């Protein structure tokens, strides 16, 4: 996803983006999804690091 989006004078509920699959979504939904994806990626990164630490401590 592109980090820079064009500015708009429309309210967030009125701003429409088109996804790569052709679906139209409001910018508010897009921001929410971007935020959720970042949280999941952070959680996955932390869990992988924790597992690696556990394995190195067990050896």
N, C-alpha and C. Protein backbone atom coordinates (compact mmCIF):
# COMPACT_ATOMS: atom_id res chain seq x y z
N UNK A 1 0.83 -1.17 0.00
CA UNK A 1 0.00 0.00 0.00
C UNK A 1 0.87 1.24 0.00
N UNK A 2 0.43 2.21 -0.70
CA UNK A 2 1.20 3.43 -0.79
C UNK A 2 1.04 4.27 0.47
N UNK A 3 2.14 4.75 1.06
CA UNK A 3 2.02 5.52 2.30
C UNK A 3 1.52 6.94 2.06
N UNK A 4 1.62 7.44 0.85
CA UNK A 4 1.20 8.80 0.55
C UNK A 4 -0.05 8.77 -0.31
N UNK A 5 -1.09 9.40 0.17
CA UNK A 5 -2.34 9.44 -0.57
C UNK A 5 -2.63 10.90 -0.92
N UNK A 6 -3.29 11.14 -2.05
CA UNK A 6 -3.59 12.52 -2.41
C UNK A 6 -4.53 13.15 -1.38
N UNK A 7 -4.35 14.45 -1.17
CA UNK A 7 -5.20 15.15 -0.22
C UNK A 7 -6.58 15.37 -0.83
N UNK A 8 -7.55 15.55 0.03
CA UNK A 8 -8.91 15.77 -0.44
C UNK A 8 -9.61 16.70 0.54
N UNK A 9 -10.55 17.46 0.03
CA UNK A 9 -11.32 18.34 0.90
C UNK A 9 -12.62 17.67 1.32
N UNK A 10 -12.84 16.43 0.88
CA UNK A 10 -14.03 15.69 1.28
C UNK A 10 -13.87 15.17 2.70
N UNK A 11 -14.98 14.95 3.37
CA UNK A 11 -14.95 14.36 4.70
C UNK A 11 -14.51 12.91 4.57
N UNK A 12 -13.93 12.33 5.65
CA UNK A 12 -13.42 10.96 5.58
C UNK A 12 -14.43 9.94 5.06
N UNK A 13 -15.68 10.07 5.43
CA UNK A 13 -16.69 9.12 4.96
C UNK A 13 -17.02 9.28 3.49
N UNK A 14 -16.62 10.41 2.90
CA UNK A 14 -16.93 10.68 1.50
C UNK A 14 -15.74 10.39 0.58
N UNK A 15 -14.58 10.15 1.14
CA UNK A 15 -13.40 9.87 0.32
C UNK A 15 -13.42 8.40 -0.07
N UNK A 16 -13.31 8.13 -1.35
CA UNK A 16 -13.39 6.77 -1.85
C UNK A 16 -12.06 6.39 -2.50
N UNK A 17 -11.57 5.20 -2.16
CA UNK A 17 -10.37 4.66 -2.79
C UNK A 17 -10.75 3.38 -3.52
N UNK A 18 -10.00 3.04 -4.54
CA UNK A 18 -10.22 1.79 -5.25
C UNK A 18 -9.08 0.85 -4.92
N UNK A 19 -9.42 -0.36 -4.48
CA UNK A 19 -8.40 -1.35 -4.13
C UNK A 19 -7.88 -2.00 -5.40
N UNK A 20 -6.75 -2.73 -5.31
CA UNK A 20 -6.24 -3.43 -6.49
C UNK A 20 -7.25 -4.39 -7.11
N UNK A 21 -8.16 -4.92 -6.29
CA UNK A 21 -9.17 -5.85 -6.81
C UNK A 21 -10.36 -5.11 -7.42
N UNK A 22 -10.35 -3.78 -7.35
CA UNK A 22 -11.42 -3.00 -7.95
C UNK A 22 -12.53 -2.61 -7.00
N UNK A 23 -12.45 -3.01 -5.73
CA UNK A 23 -13.46 -2.64 -4.75
C UNK A 23 -13.28 -1.18 -4.35
N UNK A 24 -14.39 -0.52 -4.08
CA UNK A 24 -14.33 0.86 -3.62
C UNK A 24 -14.53 0.87 -2.11
N UNK A 25 -13.61 1.52 -1.39
CA UNK A 25 -13.71 1.62 0.06
C UNK A 25 -13.46 3.05 0.49
N UNK A 26 -14.06 3.43 1.61
CA UNK A 26 -13.85 4.78 2.13
C UNK A 26 -12.47 4.85 2.77
N UNK A 27 -11.95 6.06 2.88
CA UNK A 27 -10.61 6.22 3.45
C UNK A 27 -10.59 5.82 4.91
N UNK A 28 -11.71 6.00 5.62
CA UNK A 28 -11.75 5.61 7.04
C UNK A 28 -11.56 4.11 7.18
N UNK A 29 -12.21 3.33 6.32
CA UNK A 29 -12.04 1.87 6.36
C UNK A 29 -10.62 1.50 5.97
N UNK A 30 -10.09 2.18 4.99
CA UNK A 30 -8.73 1.87 4.53
C UNK A 30 -7.71 2.14 5.65
N UNK A 31 -7.88 3.25 6.36
CA UNK A 31 -6.98 3.56 7.47
C UNK A 31 -7.10 2.52 8.58
N UNK A 32 -8.33 2.08 8.85
CA UNK A 32 -8.54 1.06 9.88
C UNK A 32 -7.85 -0.25 9.49
N UNK A 33 -7.99 -0.65 8.24
CA UNK A 33 -7.36 -1.89 7.78
C UNK A 33 -5.84 -1.76 7.81
N UNK A 34 -5.31 -0.62 7.37
CA UNK A 34 -3.85 -0.40 7.42
C UNK A 34 -3.34 -0.54 8.85
N UNK A 35 -4.07 0.04 9.79
CA UNK A 35 -3.67 -0.02 11.20
C UNK A 35 -3.70 -1.46 11.72
N UNK A 36 -4.74 -2.19 11.37
CA UNK A 36 -4.86 -3.59 11.82
C UNK A 36 -3.74 -4.45 11.24
N UNK A 37 -3.41 -4.23 9.98
CA UNK A 37 -2.34 -5.00 9.34
C UNK A 37 -1.01 -4.73 10.05
N UNK A 38 -0.74 -3.45 10.37
CA UNK A 38 0.50 -3.12 11.08
C UNK A 38 0.56 -3.79 12.45
N UNK A 39 -0.57 -3.81 13.17
CA UNK A 39 -0.60 -4.45 14.49
C UNK A 39 -0.32 -5.95 14.38
N UNK A 40 -0.91 -6.59 13.38
CA UNK A 40 -0.70 -8.03 13.18
C UNK A 40 0.75 -8.30 12.82
N UNK A 41 1.32 -7.49 11.94
CA UNK A 41 2.71 -7.68 11.55
C UNK A 41 3.64 -7.51 12.74
N UNK A 42 3.38 -6.52 13.59
CA UNK A 42 4.20 -6.33 14.79
C UNK A 42 4.09 -7.53 15.72
N UNK A 43 2.88 -8.04 15.90
CA UNK A 43 2.67 -9.19 16.77
C UNK A 43 3.40 -10.41 16.24
N UNK A 44 3.35 -10.62 14.92
CA UNK A 44 4.04 -11.76 14.32
C UNK A 44 5.55 -11.62 14.49
N UNK A 45 6.07 -10.42 14.30
CA UNK A 45 7.51 -10.20 14.45
C UNK A 45 7.95 -10.47 15.87
N UNK A 46 7.16 -10.02 16.84
CA UNK A 46 7.52 -10.24 18.24
C UNK A 46 7.46 -11.71 18.60
N UNK A 47 6.45 -12.42 18.08
CA UNK A 47 6.32 -13.83 18.43
C UNK A 47 7.47 -14.64 17.82
N UNK A 48 7.92 -14.28 16.63
CA UNK A 48 9.05 -14.98 16.00
C UNK A 48 10.32 -14.72 16.81
N UNK A 49 10.52 -13.47 17.22
CA UNK A 49 11.70 -13.14 18.02
C UNK A 49 11.69 -13.88 19.35
N UNK A 50 10.52 -13.98 19.98
CA UNK A 50 10.40 -14.70 21.25
C UNK A 50 10.75 -16.17 21.07
N UNK A 51 10.27 -16.78 20.00
CA UNK A 51 10.56 -18.19 19.75
C UNK A 51 12.05 -18.41 19.52
N UNK A 52 12.68 -17.51 18.78
CA UNK A 52 14.12 -17.63 18.54
C UNK A 52 14.90 -17.49 19.84
N UNK A 53 14.48 -16.57 20.69
CA UNK A 53 15.13 -16.40 22.00
C UNK A 53 14.99 -17.66 22.85
N UNK A 54 13.80 -18.25 22.84
CA UNK A 54 13.56 -19.47 23.62
C UNK A 54 14.44 -20.61 23.13
N UNK A 55 14.54 -20.75 21.80
CA UNK A 55 15.36 -21.82 21.22
C UNK A 55 16.83 -21.63 21.57
N UNK A 56 17.30 -20.39 21.51
CA UNK A 56 18.72 -20.15 21.81
C UNK A 56 18.99 -20.37 23.30
N UNK A 57 18.03 -20.09 24.15
CA UNK A 57 18.20 -20.32 25.59
C UNK A 57 18.17 -21.80 25.94
N UNK A 58 17.43 -22.59 25.17
CA UNK A 58 17.33 -24.03 25.42
C UNK A 58 18.57 -24.78 24.96
N UNK A 59 19.33 -24.21 24.05
CA UNK A 59 20.52 -24.90 23.52
C UNK A 59 21.72 -24.62 24.32
